[in-house]
Amino acid sequence: SGEIILNEKRIQLVEWLEQDILTRDD
């Protein structure tokens, strides 16, 4: 929403978590 600003590393972290971790059922 733009409330906080993240650097590139944190953006990569969020994208990785959303794609590879938060989608898992194990």
PDB file of all heavy atoms in Angstrom:
ATOM      1  N   SER A   1       0.816  -1.223   0.000  1.00  0.00           N
ATOM      2  CA  SER A   1       0.000   0.000   0.000  1.00  0.00           C
ATOM      3  C   SER A   1       0.848   1.271   0.000  1.00  0.00           C
ATOM      4  O   SER A   1       0.311   2.367  -0.114  1.00  0.00           O
ATOM      5  CB  SER A   1      -0.926   0.005   1.213  1.00  0.00           C
ATOM      6  OG  SER A   1      -0.187   0.202   2.400  1.00  0.00           O
ATOM      7  N   GLY A   2       2.161   1.128   0.163  1.00  0.00           N
ATOM      8  CA  GLY A   2       3.039   2.288   0.188  1.00  0.00           C
ATOM      9  C   GLY A   2       3.216   2.898   1.562  1.00  0.00           C
ATOM     10  O   GLY A   2       3.883   3.923   1.719  1.00  0.00           O
ATOM     11  N   GLU A   3       2.645   2.262   2.580  1.00  0.00           N
ATOM     12  CA  GLU A   3       2.775   2.772   3.947  1.00  0.00           C
ATOM     13  C   GLU A   3       4.224   2.690   4.432  1.00  0.00           C
ATOM     14  O   GLU A   3       4.693   3.569   5.146  1.00  0.00           O
ATOM     15  CB  GLU A   3       1.858   1.969   4.877  1.00  0.00           C
ATOM     16  CG  GLU A   3       1.838   2.456   6.297  1.00  0.00           C
ATOM     17  CD  GLU A   3       0.921   1.623   7.170  1.00  0.00           C
ATOM     18  OE1 GLU A   3      -0.046   1.025   6.653  1.00  0.00           O
ATOM     19  OE2 GLU A   3       1.188   1.559   8.386  1.00  0.00           O
ATOM     20  N   ILE A   4       4.921   1.625   4.049  1.00  0.00           N
ATOM     21  CA  ILE A   4       6.344   1.502   4.362  1.00  0.00           C
ATOM     22  C   ILE A   4       7.108   1.262   3.062  1.00  0.00           C
ATOM     23  O   ILE A   4       6.538   0.793   2.071  1.00  0.00           O
ATOM     24  CB  ILE A   4       6.647   0.365   5.371  1.00  0.00           C
ATOM     25  CG1 ILE A   4       6.253  -1.005   4.796  1.00  0.00           C
ATOM     26  CG2 ILE A   4       5.986   0.628   6.703  1.00  0.00           C
ATOM     27  CD1 ILE A   4       6.706  -2.187   5.642  1.00  0.00           C
ATOM     28  N   ILE A   5       8.369   1.605   3.077  1.00  0.00           N
ATOM     29  CA  ILE A   5       9.234   1.405   1.910  1.00  0.00           C
ATOM     30  C   ILE A   5      10.243   0.323   2.262  1.00  0.00           C
ATOM     31  O   ILE A   5      10.853   0.355   3.333  1.00  0.00           O
ATOM     32  CB  ILE A   5       9.964   2.711   1.538  1.00  0.00           C
ATOM     33  CG1 ILE A   5       8.947   3.784   1.149  1.00  0.00           C
ATOM     34  CG2 ILE A   5      10.965   2.473   0.420  1.00  0.00           C
ATOM     35  CD1 ILE A   5       9.546   5.171   0.986  1.00  0.00           C
ATOM     36  N   LEU A   6      10.410  -0.645   1.373  1.00  0.00           N
ATOM     37  CA  LEU A   6      11.382  -1.711   1.572  1.00  0.00           C
ATOM     38  C   LEU A   6      12.505  -1.578   0.559  1.00  0.00           C
ATOM     39  O   LEU A   6      12.269  -1.168  -0.578  1.00  0.00           O
ATOM     40  CB  LEU A   6      10.720  -3.087   1.408  1.00  0.00           C
ATOM     41  CG  LEU A   6       9.563  -3.432   2.343  1.00  0.00           C
ATOM     42  CD1 LEU A   6       9.068  -4.848   2.072  1.00  0.00           C
ATOM     43  CD2 LEU A   6       9.964  -3.273   3.800  1.00  0.00           C
ATOM     44  N   ASN A   7      13.712  -1.957   0.970  1.00  0.00           N
ATOM     45  CA  ASN A   7      14.810  -1.977   0.022  1.00  0.00           C
ATOM     46  C   ASN A   7      14.686  -3.223  -0.874  1.00  0.00           C
ATOM     47  O   ASN A   7      13.824  -4.078  -0.646  1.00  0.00           O
ATOM     48  CB  ASN A   7      16.169  -1.904   0.732  1.00  0.00           C
ATOM     49  CG  ASN A   7      16.438  -3.109   1.610  1.00  0.00           C
ATOM     50  OD1 ASN A   7      15.868  -4.180   1.452  1.00  0.00           O
ATOM     51  ND2 ASN A   7      17.326  -2.936   2.571  1.00  0.00           N
ATOM     52  N   GLU A   8      15.551  -3.321  -1.851  1.00  0.00           N
ATOM     53  CA  GLU A   8      15.462  -4.407  -2.830  1.00  0.00           C
ATOM     54  C   GLU A   8      15.583  -5.783  -2.185  1.00  0.00           C
ATOM     55  O   GLU A   8      14.879  -6.720  -2.570  1.00  0.00           O
ATOM     56  CB  GLU A   8      16.529  -4.229  -3.920  1.00  0.00           C
ATOM     57  CG  GLU A   8      16.378  -5.177  -5.083  1.00  0.00           C
ATOM     58  CD  GLU A   8      15.033  -5.088  -5.803  1.00  0.00           C
ATOM     59  OE1 GLU A   8      14.475  -3.977  -5.935  1.00  0.00           O
ATOM     60  OE2 GLU A   8      14.520  -6.146  -6.230  1.00  0.00           O
ATOM     61  N   LYS A   9      16.451  -5.923  -1.203  1.00  0.00           N
ATOM     62  CA  LYS A   9      16.626  -7.224  -0.526  1.00  0.00           C
ATOM     63  C   LYS A   9      15.360  -7.642   0.210  1.00  0.00           C
ATOM     64  O   LYS A   9      14.974  -8.812   0.184  1.00  0.00           O
ATOM     65  CB  LYS A   9      17.808  -7.173   0.452  1.00  0.00           C
ATOM     66  CG  LYS A   9      19.146  -7.028  -0.215  1.00  0.00           C
ATOM     67  CD  LYS A   9      19.543  -8.314  -0.894  1.00  0.00           C
ATOM     68  CE  LYS A   9      20.953  -8.195  -1.448  1.00  0.00           C
ATOM     69  NZ  LYS A   9      21.297  -9.289  -2.329  1.00  0.00           N
ATOM     70  N   ARG A  10      14.717  -6.704   0.876  1.00  0.00           N
ATOM     71  CA  ARG A  10      13.468  -7.045   1.581  1.00  0.00           C
ATOM     72  C   ARG A  10      12.352  -7.366   0.602  1.00  0.00           C
ATOM     73  O   ARG A  10      11.531  -8.238   0.864  1.00  0.00           O
ATOM     74  CB  ARG A  10      13.043  -5.910   2.515  1.00  0.00           C
ATOM     75  CG  ARG A  10      13.858  -5.864   3.765  1.00  0.00           C
ATOM     76  CD  ARG A  10      13.143  -5.097   4.840  1.00  0.00           C
ATOM     77  NE  ARG A  10      14.071  -4.717   5.890  1.00  0.00           N
ATOM     78  CZ  ARG A  10      13.706  -4.089   6.981  1.00  0.00           C
ATOM     79  NH1 ARG A  10      12.459  -3.747   7.170  1.00  0.00           N
ATOM     80  NH2 ARG A  10      14.602  -3.786   7.887  1.00  0.00           N
ATOM     81  N   ILE A  11      12.320  -6.672  -0.517  1.00  0.00           N
ATOM     82  CA  ILE A  11      11.319  -6.983  -1.545  1.00  0.00           C
ATOM     83  C   ILE A  11      11.545  -8.393  -2.066  1.00  0.00           C
ATOM     84  O   ILE A  11      10.598  -9.177  -2.216  1.00  0.00           O
ATOM     85  CB  ILE A  11      11.356  -5.942  -2.683  1.00  0.00           C
ATOM     86  CG1 ILE A  11      10.888  -4.573  -2.165  1.00  0.00           C
ATOM     87  CG2 ILE A  11      10.502  -6.395  -3.866  1.00  0.00           C
ATOM     88  CD1 ILE A  11      11.135  -3.421  -3.109  1.00  0.00           C
ATOM     89  N   GLN A  12      12.806  -8.742  -2.320  1.00  0.00           N
ATOM     90  CA  GLN A  12      13.117 -10.102  -2.769  1.00  0.00           C
ATOM     91  C   GLN A  12      12.716 -11.132  -1.710  1.00  0.00           C
ATOM     92  O   GLN A  12      12.201 -12.202  -2.043  1.00  0.00           O
ATOM     93  CB  GLN A  12      14.611 -10.236  -3.081  1.00  0.00           C
ATOM     94  CG  GLN A  12      15.032  -9.477  -4.322  1.00  0.00           C
ATOM     95  CD  GLN A  12      16.545  -9.463  -4.498  1.00  0.00           C
ATOM     96  OE1 GLN A  12      17.304  -9.938  -3.664  1.00  0.00           O
ATOM     97  NE2 GLN A  12      16.988  -8.880  -5.607  1.00  0.00           N
ATOM     98  N   LEU A  13      12.938 -10.807  -0.451  1.00  0.00           N
ATOM     99  CA  LEU A  13      12.545 -11.707   0.629  1.00  0.00           C
ATOM    100  C   LEU A  13      11.032 -11.930   0.625  1.00  0.00           C
ATOM    101  O   LEU A  13      10.568 -13.068   0.678  1.00  0.00           O
ATOM    102  CB  LEU A  13      12.986 -11.150   1.985  1.00  0.00           C
ATOM    103  CG  LEU A  13      12.456 -11.894   3.214  1.00  0.00           C
ATOM    104  CD1 LEU A  13      13.022 -13.310   3.288  1.00  0.00           C
ATOM    105  CD2 LEU A  13      12.762 -11.111   4.485  1.00  0.00           C
ATOM    106  N   VAL A  14      10.265 -10.854   0.558  1.00  0.00           N
ATOM    107  CA  VAL A  14       8.806 -10.964   0.560  1.00  0.00           C
ATOM    108  C   VAL A  14       8.335 -11.789  -0.638  1.00  0.00           C
ATOM    109  O   VAL A  14       7.492 -12.685  -0.489  1.00  0.00           O
ATOM    110  CB  VAL A  14       8.143  -9.565   0.569  1.00  0.00           C
ATOM    111  CG1 VAL A  14       6.654  -9.655   0.257  1.00  0.00           C
ATOM    112  CG2 VAL A  14       8.377  -8.879   1.910  1.00  0.00           C
ATOM    113  N   GLU A  15       8.887 -11.513  -1.808  1.00  0.00           N
ATOM    114  CA  GLU A  15       8.488 -12.268  -3.003  1.00  0.00           C
ATOM    115  C   GLU A  15       8.815 -13.745  -2.863  1.00  0.00           C
ATOM    116  O   GLU A  15       8.015 -14.607  -3.216  1.00  0.00           O
ATOM    117  CB  GLU A  15       9.155 -11.669  -4.244  1.00  0.00           C
ATOM    118  CG  GLU A  15       8.592 -10.310  -4.600  1.00  0.00           C
ATOM    119  CD  GLU A  15       9.372  -9.583  -5.693  1.00  0.00           C
ATOM    120  OE1 GLU A  15      10.510 -10.016  -6.029  1.00  0.00           O
ATOM    121  OE2 GLU A  15       8.852  -8.564  -6.196  1.00  0.00           O
ATOM    122  N   TRP A  16       9.995 -14.065  -2.324  1.00  0.00           N
ATOM    123  CA  TRP A  16      10.376 -15.464  -2.124  1.00  0.00           C
ATOM    124  C   TRP A  16       9.461 -16.143  -1.108  1.00  0.00           C
ATOM    125  O   TRP A  16       9.012 -17.270  -1.321  1.00  0.00           O
ATOM    126  CB  TRP A  16      11.837 -15.542  -1.669  1.00  0.00           C
ATOM    127  CG  TRP A  16      12.263 -16.938  -1.324  1.00  0.00           C
ATOM    128  CD1 TRP A  16      12.507 -17.957  -2.196  1.00  0.00           C
ATOM    129  CD2 TRP A  16      12.470 -17.455  -0.018  1.00  0.00           C
ATOM    130  NE1 TRP A  16      12.865 -19.092  -1.495  1.00  0.00           N
ATOM    131  CE2 TRP A  16      12.850 -18.804  -0.157  1.00  0.00           C
ATOM    132  CE3 TRP A  16      12.380 -16.908   1.268  1.00  0.00           C
ATOM    133  CZ2 TRP A  16      13.133 -19.616   0.936  1.00  0.00           C
ATOM    134  CZ3 TRP A  16      12.670 -17.716   2.347  1.00  0.00           C
ATOM    135  CH2 TRP A  16      13.034 -19.048   2.177  1.00  0.00           C
ATOM    136  N   LEU A  17       9.173 -15.446  -0.002  1.00  0.00           N
ATOM    137  CA  LEU A  17       8.284 -16.017   1.011  1.00  0.00           C
ATOM    138  C   LEU A  17       6.906 -16.293   0.437  1.00  0.00           C
ATOM    139  O   LEU A  17       6.332 -17.366   0.669  1.00  0.00           O
ATOM    140  CB  LEU A  17       8.172 -15.078   2.217  1.00  0.00           C
ATOM    141  CG  LEU A  17       9.407 -14.948   3.099  1.00  0.00           C
ATOM    142  CD1 LEU A  17       9.232 -13.811   4.103  1.00  0.00           C
ATOM    143  CD2 LEU A  17       9.725 -16.258   3.804  1.00  0.00           C
ATOM    144  N   GLU A  18       6.374 -15.336  -0.328  1.00  0.00           N
ATOM    145  CA  GLU A  18       5.041 -15.517  -0.908  1.00  0.00           C
ATOM    146  C   GLU A  18       5.007 -16.659  -1.913  1.00  0.00           C
ATOM    147  O   GLU A  18       4.026 -17.396  -1.986  1.00  0.00           O
ATOM    148  CB  GLU A  18       4.570 -14.220  -1.571  1.00  0.00           C
ATOM    149  CG  GLU A  18       4.197 -13.150  -0.574  1.00  0.00           C
ATOM    150  CD  GLU A  18       3.670 -11.892  -1.237  1.00  0.00           C
ATOM    151  OE1 GLU A  18       4.207 -11.478  -2.282  1.00  0.00           O
ATOM    152  OE2 GLU A  18       2.701 -11.328  -0.691  1.00  0.00           O
ATOM    153  N   GLN A  19       6.058 -16.805  -2.674  1.00  0.00           N
ATOM    154  CA  GLN A  19       6.086 -17.821  -3.728  1.00  0.00           C
ATOM    155  C   GLN A  19       6.445 -19.212  -3.198  1.00  0.00           C
ATOM    156  O   GLN A  19       5.820 -20.205  -3.576  1.00  0.00           O
ATOM    157  CB  GLN A  19       7.083 -17.418  -4.810  1.00  0.00           C
ATOM    158  CG  GLN A  19       7.180 -18.415  -5.944  1.00  0.00           C
ATOM    159  CD  GLN A  19       8.177 -17.965  -7.006  1.00  0.00           C
ATOM    160  OE1 GLN A  19       8.530 -16.802  -7.098  1.00  0.00           O
ATOM    161  NE2 GLN A  19       8.637 -18.909  -7.804  1.00  0.00           N
ATOM    162  N   ASP A  20       7.453 -19.291  -2.329  1.00  0.00           N
ATOM    163  CA  ASP A  20       8.020 -20.591  -1.969  1.00  0.00           C
ATOM    164  C   ASP A  20       7.749 -21.068  -0.544  1.00  0.00           C
ATOM    165  O   ASP A  20       7.973 -22.245  -0.251  1.00  0.00           O
ATOM    166  CB  ASP A  20       9.542 -20.573  -2.187  1.00  0.00           C
ATOM    167  CG  ASP A  20       9.908 -20.374  -3.645  1.00  0.00           C
ATOM    168  OD1 ASP A  20       9.124 -20.776  -4.525  1.00  0.00           O
ATOM    169  OD2 ASP A  20      10.983 -19.816  -3.906  1.00  0.00           O
ATOM    170  N   ILE A  21       7.317 -20.205   0.334  1.00  0.00           N
ATOM    171  CA  ILE A  21       7.121 -20.617   1.733  1.00  0.00           C
ATOM    172  C   ILE A  21       5.648 -20.560   2.138  1.00  0.00           C
ATOM    173  O   ILE A  21       5.087 -21.559   2.598  1.00  0.00           O
ATOM    174  CB  ILE A  21       7.970 -19.745   2.693  1.00  0.00           C
ATOM    175  CG1 ILE A  21       9.463 -19.870   2.362  1.00  0.00           C
ATOM    176  CG2 ILE A  21       7.693 -20.107   4.157  1.00  0.00           C
ATOM    177  CD1 ILE A  21      10.039 -21.267   2.492  1.00  0.00           C
ATOM    178  N   LEU A  22       5.017 -19.428   1.954  1.00  0.00           N
ATOM    179  CA  LEU A  22       3.644 -19.252   2.438  1.00  0.00           C
ATOM    180  C   LEU A  22       2.627 -20.088   1.663  1.00  0.00           C
ATOM    181  O   LEU A  22       1.473 -20.211   2.088  1.00  0.00           O
ATOM    182  CB  LEU A  22       3.260 -17.769   2.408  1.00  0.00           C
ATOM    183  CG  LEU A  22       4.141 -16.862   3.278  1.00  0.00           C
ATOM    184  CD1 LEU A  22       3.719 -15.408   3.126  1.00  0.00           C
ATOM    185  CD2 LEU A  22       4.104 -17.298   4.731  1.00  0.00           C
ATOM    186  N   THR A  23       3.043 -20.668   0.563  1.00  0.00           N
ATOM    187  CA  THR A  23       2.149 -21.503  -0.245  1.00  0.00           C
ATOM    188  C   THR A  23       2.232 -22.982   0.133  1.00  0.00           C
ATOM    189  O   THR A  23       1.458 -23.786  -0.371  1.00  0.00           O
ATOM    190  CB  THR A  23       2.509 -21.363  -1.737  1.00  0.00           C
ATOM    191  OG1 THR A  23       3.899 -21.695  -1.907  1.00  0.00           O
ATOM    192  CG2 THR A  23       2.240 -19.957  -2.229  1.00  0.00           C
ATOM    193  N   ARG A  24       3.137 -23.337   0.992  1.00  0.00           N
ATOM    194  CA  ARG A  24       3.365 -24.748   1.328  1.00  0.00           C
ATOM    195  C   ARG A  24       2.353 -25.248   2.355  1.00  0.00           C
ATOM    196  O   ARG A  24       1.866 -24.486   3.192  1.00  0.00           O
ATOM    197  CB  ARG A  24       4.784 -24.939   1.840  1.00  0.00           C
ATOM    198  CG  ARG A  24       5.796 -24.623   0.731  1.00  0.00           C
ATOM    199  CD  ARG A  24       7.189 -24.787   1.155  1.00  0.00           C
ATOM    200  NE  ARG A  24       7.487 -26.150   1.604  1.00  0.00           N
ATOM    201  CZ  ARG A  24       8.722 -26.602   1.731  1.00  0.00           C
ATOM    202  NH1 ARG A  24       9.745 -25.836   1.432  1.00  0.00           N
ATOM    203  NH2 ARG A  24       8.932 -27.825   2.171  1.00  0.00           N
ATOM    204  N   ASP A  25       2.079 -26.537   2.309  1.00  0.00           N
ATOM    205  CA  ASP A  25       1.162 -27.120   3.279  1.00  0.00           C
ATOM    206  C   ASP A  25       1.861 -28.083   4.241  1.00  0.00           C
ATOM    207  O   ASP A  25       1.204 -28.754   5.032  1.00  0.00           O
ATOM    208  CB  ASP A  25      -0.007 -27.817   2.581  1.00  0.00           C
ATOM    209  CG  ASP A  25       0.438 -28.928   1.655  1.00  0.00           C
ATOM    210  OD1 ASP A  25       1.647 -29.237   1.601  1.00  0.00           O
ATOM    211  OD2 ASP A  25      -0.434 -29.506   0.976  1.00  0.00           O
ATOM    212  N   ASP A  26       3.204 -28.129   4.187  1.00  0.00           N
ATOM    213  CA  ASP A  26       3.951 -29.000   5.094  1.00  0.00           C
ATOM    214  C   ASP A  26       4.594 -28.218   6.240  1.00  0.00           C
ATOM    215  O   ASP A  26       5.426 -28.734   6.970  1.00  0.00           O
ATOM    216  CB  ASP A  26       5.022 -29.790   4.341  1.00  0.00           C
ATOM    217  CG  ASP A  26       6.075 -28.896   3.700  1.00  0.00           C
ATOM    218  OD1 ASP A  26       5.761 -27.718   3.393  1.00  0.00           O
ATOM    219  OD2 ASP A  26       7.211 -29.366   3.494  1.00  0.00           O
TER     220      ASP A  26
END
